[in-house]
Amino acid sequence: MQTRVAVMGIIVENTDSVEQLNHLLHEYGHYIIGRMGIPYRARSINIVSIAIDAPQDVISALSGKIGSLDGISVKTAYSNVLADE
């Protein structure tokens, strides 16, 4: 199966959803290359970026699940680099 590298940009406006977000990221942890979280206290939000190498359907599923969480938005940028798993 082919995998792609992608970056997810996540904005957390509702900290009540952080536990659910962390659970999802743990569930997909074997695909995640790296993660960076930045608390932006001046705006009372958190910014999280995720680098991931996974099949396209896995990336889409994770993005959809994250986007369905209350107070969390996500955008995904895909590379054109494909690799066989």
PDB file of N, CA and C in Angstrom:
ATOM      1  N   MET A   1       0.846  -1.177   0.000  1.00  0.00           N
ATOM      2  CA  MET A   1       0.000   0.000   0.000  1.00  0.00           C
ATOM      3  C   MET A   1       0.894   1.243   0.000  1.00  0.00           C
ATOM      4  N   GLN A   2       0.483   2.261  -0.737  1.00  0.00           N
ATOM      5  CA  GLN A   2       1.270   3.480  -0.808  1.00  0.00           C
ATOM      6  C   GLN A   2       0.950   4.417   0.350  1.00  0.00           C
ATOM      7  N   THR A   3       1.989   5.075   0.825  1.00  0.00           N
ATOM      8  CA  THR A   3       1.811   6.065   1.890  1.00  0.00           C
ATOM      9  C   THR A   3       2.227   7.436   1.367  1.00  0.00           C
ATOM     10  N   ARG A   4       1.731   8.465   2.040  1.00  0.00           N
ATOM     11  CA  ARG A   4       2.072   9.847   1.721  1.00  0.00           C
ATOM     12  C   ARG A   4       2.508  10.546   2.996  1.00  0.00           C
ATOM     13  N   VAL A   5       3.324  11.564   2.811  1.00  0.00           N
ATOM     14  CA  VAL A   5       3.697  12.409   3.932  1.00  0.00           C
ATOM     15  C   VAL A   5       2.760  13.613   3.904  1.00  0.00           C
ATOM     16  N   ALA A   6       2.253  13.974   5.067  1.00  0.00           N
ATOM     17  CA  ALA A   6       1.343  15.111   5.175  1.00  0.00           C
ATOM     18  C   ALA A   6       1.611  15.848   6.476  1.00  0.00           C
ATOM     19  N   VAL A   7       1.141  17.081   6.515  1.00  0.00           N
ATOM     20  CA  VAL A   7       1.215  17.896   7.723  1.00  0.00           C
ATOM     21  C   VAL A   7      -0.198  18.335   8.074  1.00  0.00           C
ATOM     22  N   MET A   8      -0.574  18.132   9.326  1.00  0.00           N
ATOM     23  CA  MET A   8      -1.882  18.575   9.815  1.00  0.00           C
ATOM     24  C   MET A   8      -1.672  19.778  10.720  1.00  0.00           C
ATOM     25  N   GLY A   9      -2.404  20.833  10.445  1.00  0.00           N
ATOM     26  CA  GLY A   9      -2.420  21.999  11.313  1.00  0.00           C
ATOM     27  C   GLY A   9      -3.706  21.974  12.116  1.00  0.00           C
ATOM     28  N   ILE A  10      -3.591  21.972  13.431  1.00  0.00           N
ATOM     29  CA  ILE A  10      -4.749  21.828  14.318  1.00  0.00           C
ATOM     30  C   ILE A  10      -4.832  23.046  15.233  1.00  0.00           C
ATOM     31  N   ILE A  11      -6.016  23.650  15.304  1.00  0.00           N
ATOM     32  CA  ILE A  11      -6.273  24.761  16.218  1.00  0.00           C
ATOM     33  C   ILE A  11      -7.253  24.271  17.271  1.00  0.00           C
ATOM     34  N   VAL A  12      -6.860  24.382  18.528  1.00  0.00           N
ATOM     35  CA  VAL A  12      -7.710  23.951  19.643  1.00  0.00           C
ATOM     36  C   VAL A  12      -8.244  25.189  20.355  1.00  0.00           C
ATOM     37  N   GLU A  13      -9.548  25.399  20.235  1.00  0.00           N
ATOM     38  CA  GLU A  13     -10.206  26.525  20.901  1.00  0.00           C
ATOM     39  C   GLU A  13     -10.955  26.089  22.158  1.00  0.00           C
ATOM     40  N   ASN A  14     -11.261  24.797  22.241  1.00  0.00           N
ATOM     41  CA  ASN A  14     -11.986  24.253  23.386  1.00  0.00           C
ATOM     42  C   ASN A  14     -11.102  23.217  24.071  1.00  0.00           C
ATOM     43  N   THR A  15     -10.513  23.589  25.192  1.00  0.00           N
ATOM     44  CA  THR A  15      -9.589  22.678  25.875  1.00  0.00           C
ATOM     45  C   THR A  15     -10.294  21.453  26.462  1.00  0.00           C
ATOM     46  N   ASP A  16     -11.616  21.481  26.537  1.00  0.00           N
ATOM     47  CA  ASP A  16     -12.347  20.297  27.003  1.00  0.00           C
ATOM     48  C   ASP A  16     -12.192  19.124  26.029  1.00  0.00           C
ATOM     49  N   SER A  17     -11.825  19.403  24.777  1.00  0.00           N
ATOM     50  CA  SER A  17     -11.676  18.355  23.767  1.00  0.00           C
ATOM     51  C   SER A  17     -10.257  17.822  23.651  1.00  0.00           C
ATOM     52  N   VAL A  18      -9.328  18.351  24.442  1.00  0.00           N
ATOM     53  CA  VAL A  18      -7.919  17.958  24.336  1.00  0.00           C
ATOM     54  C   VAL A  18      -7.715  16.480  24.662  1.00  0.00           C
ATOM     55  N   GLU A  19      -8.419  15.972  25.653  1.00  0.00           N
ATOM     56  CA  GLU A  19      -8.267  14.556  26.006  1.00  0.00           C
ATOM     57  C   GLU A  19      -8.655  13.663  24.833  1.00  0.00           C
ATOM     58  N   GLN A  20      -9.750  13.988  24.154  1.00  0.00           N
ATOM     59  CA  GLN A  20     -10.182  13.214  22.984  1.00  0.00           C
ATOM     60  C   GLN A  20      -9.156  13.332  21.853  1.00  0.00           C
ATOM     61  N   LEU A  21      -8.617  14.532  21.645  1.00  0.00           N
ATOM     62  CA  LEU A  21      -7.603  14.737  20.619  1.00  0.00           C
ATOM     63  C   LEU A  21      -6.376  13.884  20.920  1.00  0.00           C
ATOM     64  N   ASN A  22      -5.900  13.911  22.144  1.00  0.00           N
ATOM     65  CA  ASN A  22      -4.726  13.121  22.520  1.00  0.00           C
ATOM     66  C   ASN A  22      -4.977  11.626  22.350  1.00  0.00           C
ATOM     67  N   HIS A  23      -6.195  11.187  22.641  1.00  0.00           N
ATOM     68  CA  HIS A  23      -6.546   9.772  22.455  1.00  0.00           C
ATOM     69  C   HIS A  23      -6.442   9.392  20.977  1.00  0.00           C
ATOM     70  N   LEU A  24      -6.966  10.245  20.087  1.00  0.00           N
ATOM     71  CA  LEU A  24      -6.878   9.974  18.650  1.00  0.00           C
ATOM     72  C   LEU A  24      -5.423   9.941  18.180  1.00  0.00           C
ATOM     73  N   LEU A  25      -4.631  10.909  18.629  1.00  0.00           N
ATOM     74  CA  LEU A  25      -3.236  10.950  18.216  1.00  0.00           C
ATOM     75  C   LEU A  25      -2.474   9.720  18.720  1.00  0.00           C
ATOM     76  N   HIS A  26      -2.808   9.253  19.909  1.00  0.00           N
ATOM     77  CA  HIS A  26      -2.189   8.028  20.438  1.00  0.00           C
ATOM     78  C   HIS A  26      -2.609   6.821  19.592  1.00  0.00           C
ATOM     79  N   GLU A  27      -3.882   6.778  19.206  1.00  0.00           N
ATOM     80  CA  GLU A  27      -4.419   5.679  18.403  1.00  0.00           C
ATOM     81  C   GLU A  27      -3.692   5.577  17.048  1.00  0.00           C
ATOM     82  N   TYR A  28      -3.343   6.720  16.462  1.00  0.00           N
ATOM     83  CA  TYR A  28      -2.672   6.755  15.163  1.00  0.00           C
ATOM     84  C   TYR A  28      -1.160   6.982  15.311  1.00  0.00           C
ATOM     85  N   GLY A  29      -0.637   6.787  16.498  1.00  0.00           N
ATOM     86  CA  GLY A  29       0.746   7.109  16.817  1.00  0.00           C
ATOM     87  C   GLY A  29       1.789   6.426  15.957  1.00  0.00           C
ATOM     88  N   HIS A  30       1.523   5.218  15.491  1.00  0.00           N
ATOM     89  CA  HIS A  30       2.536   4.515  14.698  1.00  0.00           C
ATOM     90  C   HIS A  30       2.726   5.138  13.318  1.00  0.00           C
ATOM     91  N   TYR A  31       1.818   6.027  12.894  1.00  0.00           N
ATOM     92  CA  TYR A  31       1.964   6.744  11.626  1.00  0.00           C
ATOM     93  C   TYR A  31       2.606   8.124  11.816  1.00  0.00           C
ATOM     94  N   ILE A  32       2.590   8.636  13.037  1.00  0.00           N
ATOM     95  CA  ILE A  32       3.022  10.012  13.280  1.00  0.00           C
ATOM     96  C   ILE A  32       4.547  10.092  13.330  1.00  0.00           C
ATOM     97  N   ILE A  33       5.095  11.000  12.510  1.00  0.00           N
ATOM     98  CA  ILE A  33       6.539  11.228  12.462  1.00  0.00           C
ATOM     99  C   ILE A  33       6.950  12.146  13.607  1.00  0.00           C
ATOM    100  N   GLY A  34       6.172  13.191  13.826  1.00  0.00           N
ATOM    101  CA  GLY A  34       6.482  14.148  14.881  1.00  0.00           C
ATOM    102  C   GLY A  34       5.295  15.037  15.172  1.00  0.00           C
ATOM    103  N   ARG A  35       5.369  15.697  16.310  1.00  0.00           N
ATOM    104  CA  ARG A  35       4.261  16.525  16.789  1.00  0.00           C
ATOM    105  C   ARG A  35       4.842  17.738  17.511  1.00  0.00           C
ATOM    106  N   MET A  36       4.233  18.899  17.275  1.00  0.00           N
ATOM    107  CA  MET A  36       4.649  20.113  17.972  1.00  0.00           C
ATOM    108  C   MET A  36       3.398  20.843  18.446  1.00  0.00           C
ATOM    109  N   GLY A  37       3.372  21.179  19.719  1.00  0.00           N
ATOM    110  CA  GLY A  37       2.246  21.912  20.284  1.00  0.00           C
ATOM    111  C   GLY A  37       2.712  23.253  20.831  1.00  0.00           C
ATOM    112  N   ILE A  38       1.954  24.292  20.503  1.00  0.00           N
ATOM    113  CA  ILE A  38       2.301  25.639  20.951  1.00  0.00           C
ATOM    114  C   ILE A  38       1.094  26.254  21.650  1.00  0.00           C
ATOM    115  N   PRO A  39       1.190  26.522  22.946  1.00  0.00           N
ATOM    116  CA  PRO A  39       0.101  27.236  23.616  1.00  0.00           C
ATOM    117  C   PRO A  39       0.203  28.724  23.286  1.00  0.00           C
ATOM    118  N   TYR A  40      -0.869  29.285  22.767  1.00  0.00           N
ATOM    119  CA  TYR A  40      -0.895  30.715  22.442  1.00  0.00           C
ATOM    120  C   TYR A  40      -1.790  31.380  23.481  1.00  0.00           C
ATOM    121  N   ARG A  41      -1.200  31.704  24.614  1.00  0.00           N
ATOM    122  CA  ARG A  41      -1.955  32.197  25.766  1.00  0.00           C
ATOM    123  C   ARG A  41      -2.645  33.530  25.511  1.00  0.00           C
ATOM    124  N   ALA A  42      -2.042  34.386  24.675  1.00  0.00           N
ATOM    125  CA  ALA A  42      -2.643  35.695  24.387  1.00  0.00           C
ATOM    126  C   ALA A  42      -4.009  35.560  23.716  1.00  0.00           C
ATOM    127  N   ARG A  43      -4.224  34.450  22.989  1.00  0.00           N
ATOM    128  CA  ARG A  43      -5.498  34.216  22.311  1.00  0.00           C
ATOM    129  C   ARG A  43      -6.296  33.064  22.923  1.00  0.00           C
ATOM    130  N   SER A  44      -5.769  32.475  23.972  1.00  0.00           N
ATOM    131  CA  SER A  44      -6.420  31.341  24.652  1.00  0.00           C
ATOM    132  C   SER A  44      -6.704  30.179  23.710  1.00  0.00           C
ATOM    133  N   ILE A  45      -5.733  29.885  22.845  1.00  0.00           N
ATOM    134  CA  ILE A  45      -5.852  28.726  21.960  1.00  0.00           C
ATOM    135  C   ILE A  45      -4.548  27.937  22.007  1.00  0.00           C
ATOM    136  N   ASN A  46      -4.592  26.745  21.460  1.00  0.00           N
ATOM    137  CA  ASN A  46      -3.404  25.918  21.298  1.00  0.00           C
ATOM    138  C   ASN A  46      -3.263  25.572  19.825  1.00  0.00           C
ATOM    139  N   ILE A  47      -2.032  25.593  19.335  1.00  0.00           N
ATOM    140  CA  ILE A  47      -1.740  25.278  17.946  1.00  0.00           C
ATOM    141  C   ILE A  47      -0.903  24.004  17.944  1.00  0.00           C
ATOM    142  N   VAL A  48      -1.343  23.025  17.177  1.00  0.00           N
ATOM    143  CA  VAL A  48      -0.651  21.740  17.124  1.00  0.00           C
ATOM    144  C   VAL A  48      -0.364  21.427  15.661  1.00  0.00           C
ATOM    145  N   SER A  49       0.851  20.993  15.369  1.00  0.00           N
ATOM    146  CA  SER A  49       1.160  20.502  14.026  1.00  0.00           C
ATOM    147  C   SER A  49       1.619  19.055  14.135  1.00  0.00           C
ATOM    148  N   ILE A  50       1.156  18.260  13.187  1.00  0.00           N
ATOM    149  CA  ILE A  50       1.449  16.835  13.155  1.00  0.00           C
ATOM    150  C   ILE A  50       2.046  16.503  11.797  1.00  0.00           C
ATOM    151  N   ALA A  51       3.200  15.872  11.778  1.00  0.00           N
ATOM    152  CA  ALA A  51       3.769  15.318  10.551  1.00  0.00           C
ATOM    153  C   ALA A  51       3.441  13.824  10.558  1.00  0.00           C
ATOM    154  N   ILE A  52       2.908  13.331   9.437  1.00  0.00           N
ATOM    155  CA  ILE A  52       2.420  11.958   9.389  1.00  0.00           C
ATOM    156  C   ILE A  52       2.805  11.301   8.068  1.00  0.00           C
ATOM    157  N   ASP A  53       3.109  10.021   8.113  1.00  0.00           N
ATOM    158  CA  ASP A  53       3.410   9.220   6.922  1.00  0.00           C
ATOM    159  C   ASP A  53       2.484   8.011   6.983  1.00  0.00           C
ATOM    160  N   ALA A  54       1.450   8.020   6.133  1.00  0.00           N
ATOM    161  CA  ALA A  54       0.412   6.992   6.219  1.00  0.00           C
ATOM    162  C   ALA A  54      -0.316   6.894   4.878  1.00  0.00           C
ATOM    163  N   PRO A  55      -1.090   5.827   4.681  1.00  0.00           N
ATOM    164  CA  PRO A  55      -1.937   5.765   3.497  1.00  0.00           C
ATOM    165  C   PRO A  55      -2.939   6.939   3.490  1.00  0.00           C
ATOM    166  N   GLN A  56      -3.308   7.376   2.306  1.00  0.00           N
ATOM    167  CA  GLN A  56      -4.202   8.525   2.161  1.00  0.00           C
ATOM    168  C   GLN A  56      -5.494   8.346   2.948  1.00  0.00           C
ATOM    169  N   ASP A  57      -6.078   7.152   2.928  1.00  0.00           N
ATOM    170  CA  ASP A  57      -7.345   6.952   3.641  1.00  0.00           C
ATOM    171  C   ASP A  57      -7.170   7.053   5.155  1.00  0.00           C
ATOM    172  N   VAL A  58      -6.024   6.678   5.664  1.00  0.00           N
ATOM    173  CA  VAL A  58      -5.758   6.790   7.102  1.00  0.00           C
ATOM    174  C   VAL A  58      -5.625   8.263   7.499  1.00  0.00           C
ATOM    175  N   ILE A  59      -4.899   9.024   6.677  1.00  0.00           N
ATOM    176  CA  ILE A  59      -4.747  10.455   6.949  1.00  0.00           C
ATOM    177  C   ILE A  59      -6.105  11.147   6.914  1.00  0.00           C
ATOM    178  N   SER A  60      -6.907  10.824   5.905  1.00  0.00           N
ATOM    179  CA  SER A  60      -8.247  11.425   5.788  1.00  0.00           C
ATOM    180  C   SER A  60      -9.135  11.053   6.966  1.00  0.00           C
ATOM    181  N   ALA A  61      -9.058   9.798   7.394  1.00  0.00           N
ATOM    182  CA  ALA A  61      -9.881   9.353   8.527  1.00  0.00           C
ATOM    183  C   ALA A  61      -9.488  10.093   9.803  1.00  0.00           C
ATOM    184  N   LEU A  62      -8.191  10.212  10.051  1.00  0.00           N
ATOM    185  CA  LEU A  62      -7.741  10.923  11.248  1.00  0.00           C
ATOM    186  C   LEU A  62      -8.156  12.386  11.187  1.00  0.00           C
ATOM    187  N   SER A  63      -7.971  13.015  10.048  1.00  0.00           N
ATOM    188  CA  SER A  63      -8.353  14.419   9.890  1.00  0.00           C
ATOM    189  C   SER A  63      -9.849  14.612  10.132  1.00  0.00           C
ATOM    190  N   GLY A  64     -10.656  13.715   9.599  1.00  0.00           N
ATOM    191  CA  GLY A  64     -12.107  13.792   9.797  1.00  0.00           C
ATOM    192  C   GLY A  64     -12.503  13.630  11.250  1.00  0.00           C
ATOM    193  N   LYS A  65     -11.862  12.689  11.943  1.00  0.00           N
ATOM    194  CA  LYS A  65     -12.169  12.471  13.358  1.00  0.00           C
ATOM    195  C   LYS A  65     -11.755  13.671  14.204  1.00  0.00           C
ATOM    196  N   ILE A  66     -10.586  14.249  13.908  1.00  0.00           N
ATOM    197  CA  ILE A  66     -10.141  15.426  14.644  1.00  0.00           C
ATOM    198  C   ILE A  66     -11.072  16.596  14.386  1.00  0.00           C
ATOM    199  N   GLY A  67     -11.455  16.781  13.126  1.00  0.00           N
ATOM    200  CA  GLY A  67     -12.334  17.887  12.763  1.00  0.00           C
ATOM    201  C   GLY A  67     -13.721  17.796  13.355  1.00  0.00           C
ATOM    202  N   SER A  68     -14.125  16.600  13.743  1.00  0.00           N
ATOM    203  CA  SER A  68     -15.461  16.441  14.334  1.00  0.00           C
ATOM    204  C   SER A  68     -15.487  16.757  15.831  1.00  0.00           C
ATOM    205  N   LEU A  69     -14.316  16.950  16.436  1.00  0.00           N
ATOM    206  CA  LEU A  69     -14.256  17.277  17.863  1.00  0.00           C
ATOM    207  C   LEU A  69     -14.711  18.721  18.084  1.00  0.00           C
ATOM    208  N   ASP A  70     -15.427  18.951  19.163  1.00  0.00           N
ATOM    209  CA  ASP A  70     -15.955  20.277  19.479  1.00  0.00           C
ATOM    210  C   ASP A  70     -14.831  21.269  19.755  1.00  0.00           C
ATOM    211  N   GLY A  71     -14.843  22.386  19.032  1.00  0.00           N
ATOM    212  CA  GLY A  71     -13.867  23.442  19.280  1.00  0.00           C
ATOM    213  C   GLY A  71     -12.490  23.186  18.709  1.00  0.00           C
ATOM    214  N   ILE A  72     -12.388  22.216  17.792  1.00  0.00           N
ATOM    215  CA  ILE A  72     -11.105  21.905  17.169  1.00  0.00           C
ATOM    216  C   ILE A  72     -11.276  21.951  15.660  1.00  0.00           C
ATOM    217  N   SER A  73     -10.355  22.650  14.991  1.00  0.00           N
ATOM    218  CA  SER A  73     -10.367  22.670  13.528  1.00  0.00           C
ATOM    219  C   SER A  73      -9.030  22.142  13.026  1.00  0.00           C
ATOM    220  N   VAL A  74      -9.054  21.552  11.822  1.00  0.00           N
ATOM    221  CA  VAL A  74      -7.853  20.932  11.261  1.00  0.00           C
ATOM    222  C   VAL A  74      -7.814  21.146   9.751  1.00  0.00           C
ATOM    223  N   LYS A  75      -6.621  21.359   9.243  1.00  0.00           N
ATOM    224  CA  LYS A  75      -6.366  21.415   7.800  1.00  0.00           C
ATOM    225  C   LYS A  75      -5.162  20.532   7.527  1.00  0.00           C
ATOM    226  N   THR A  76      -5.200  19.831   6.392  1.00  0.00           N
ATOM    227  CA  THR A  76      -4.134  18.910   6.052  1.00  0.00           C
ATOM    228  C   THR A  76      -3.521  19.299   4.714  1.00  0.00           C
ATOM    229  N   ALA A  77      -2.200  19.335   4.657  1.00  0.00           N
ATOM    230  CA  ALA A  77      -1.461  19.578   3.425  1.00  0.00           C
ATOM    231  C   ALA A  77      -0.688  18.302   3.083  1.00  0.00           C
ATOM    232  N   TYR A  78      -0.855  17.823   1.857  1.00  0.00           N
ATOM    233  CA  TYR A  78      -0.234  16.586   1.427  1.00  0.00           C
ATOM    234  C   TYR A  78       0.984  16.848   0.540  1.00  0.00           C
ATOM    235  N   SER A  79       2.018  16.040   0.704  1.00  0.00           N
ATOM    236  CA  SER A  79       3.149  16.086  -0.227  1.00  0.00           C
ATOM    237  C   SER A  79       2.790  15.252  -1.453  1.00  0.00           C
ATOM    238  N   ASN A  80       3.558  15.423  -2.507  1.00  0.00           N
ATOM    239  CA  ASN A  80       3.372  14.612  -3.715  1.00  0.00           C
ATOM    240  C   ASN A  80       4.235  13.363  -3.690  1.00  0.00           C
ATOM    241  N   VAL A  81       4.963  13.166  -2.615  1.00  0.00           N
ATOM    242  CA  VAL A  81       5.871  12.022  -2.486  1.00  0.00           C
ATOM    243  C   VAL A  81       5.074  10.801  -2.036  1.00  0.00           C
ATOM    244  N   LEU A  82       5.116   9.750  -2.869  1.00  0.00           N
ATOM    245  CA  LEU A  82       4.457   8.488  -2.529  1.00  0.00           C
ATOM    246  C   LEU A  82       5.524   7.439  -2.285  1.00  0.00           C
ATOM    247  N   ALA A  83       5.263   6.542  -1.346  1.00  0.00           N
ATOM    248  CA  ALA A  83       6.193   5.452  -1.058  1.00  0.00           C
ATOM    249  C   ALA A  83       5.390   4.185  -0.782  1.00  0.00           C
ATOM    250  N   ASP A  84       5.975   3.050  -1.114  1.00  0.00           N
ATOM    251  CA  ASP A  84       5.323   1.793  -0.790  1.00  0.00           C
ATOM    252  C   ASP A  84       5.604   1.447   0.660  1.00  0.00           C
ATOM    253  N   GLU A  85       4.573   0.975   1.336  1.00  0.00           N
ATOM    254  CA  GLU A  85       4.667   0.657   2.762  1.00  0.00           C
ATOM    255  C   GLU A  85       5.523  -0.565   2.973  1.00  0.00           C
TER     256      GLU A  85
END
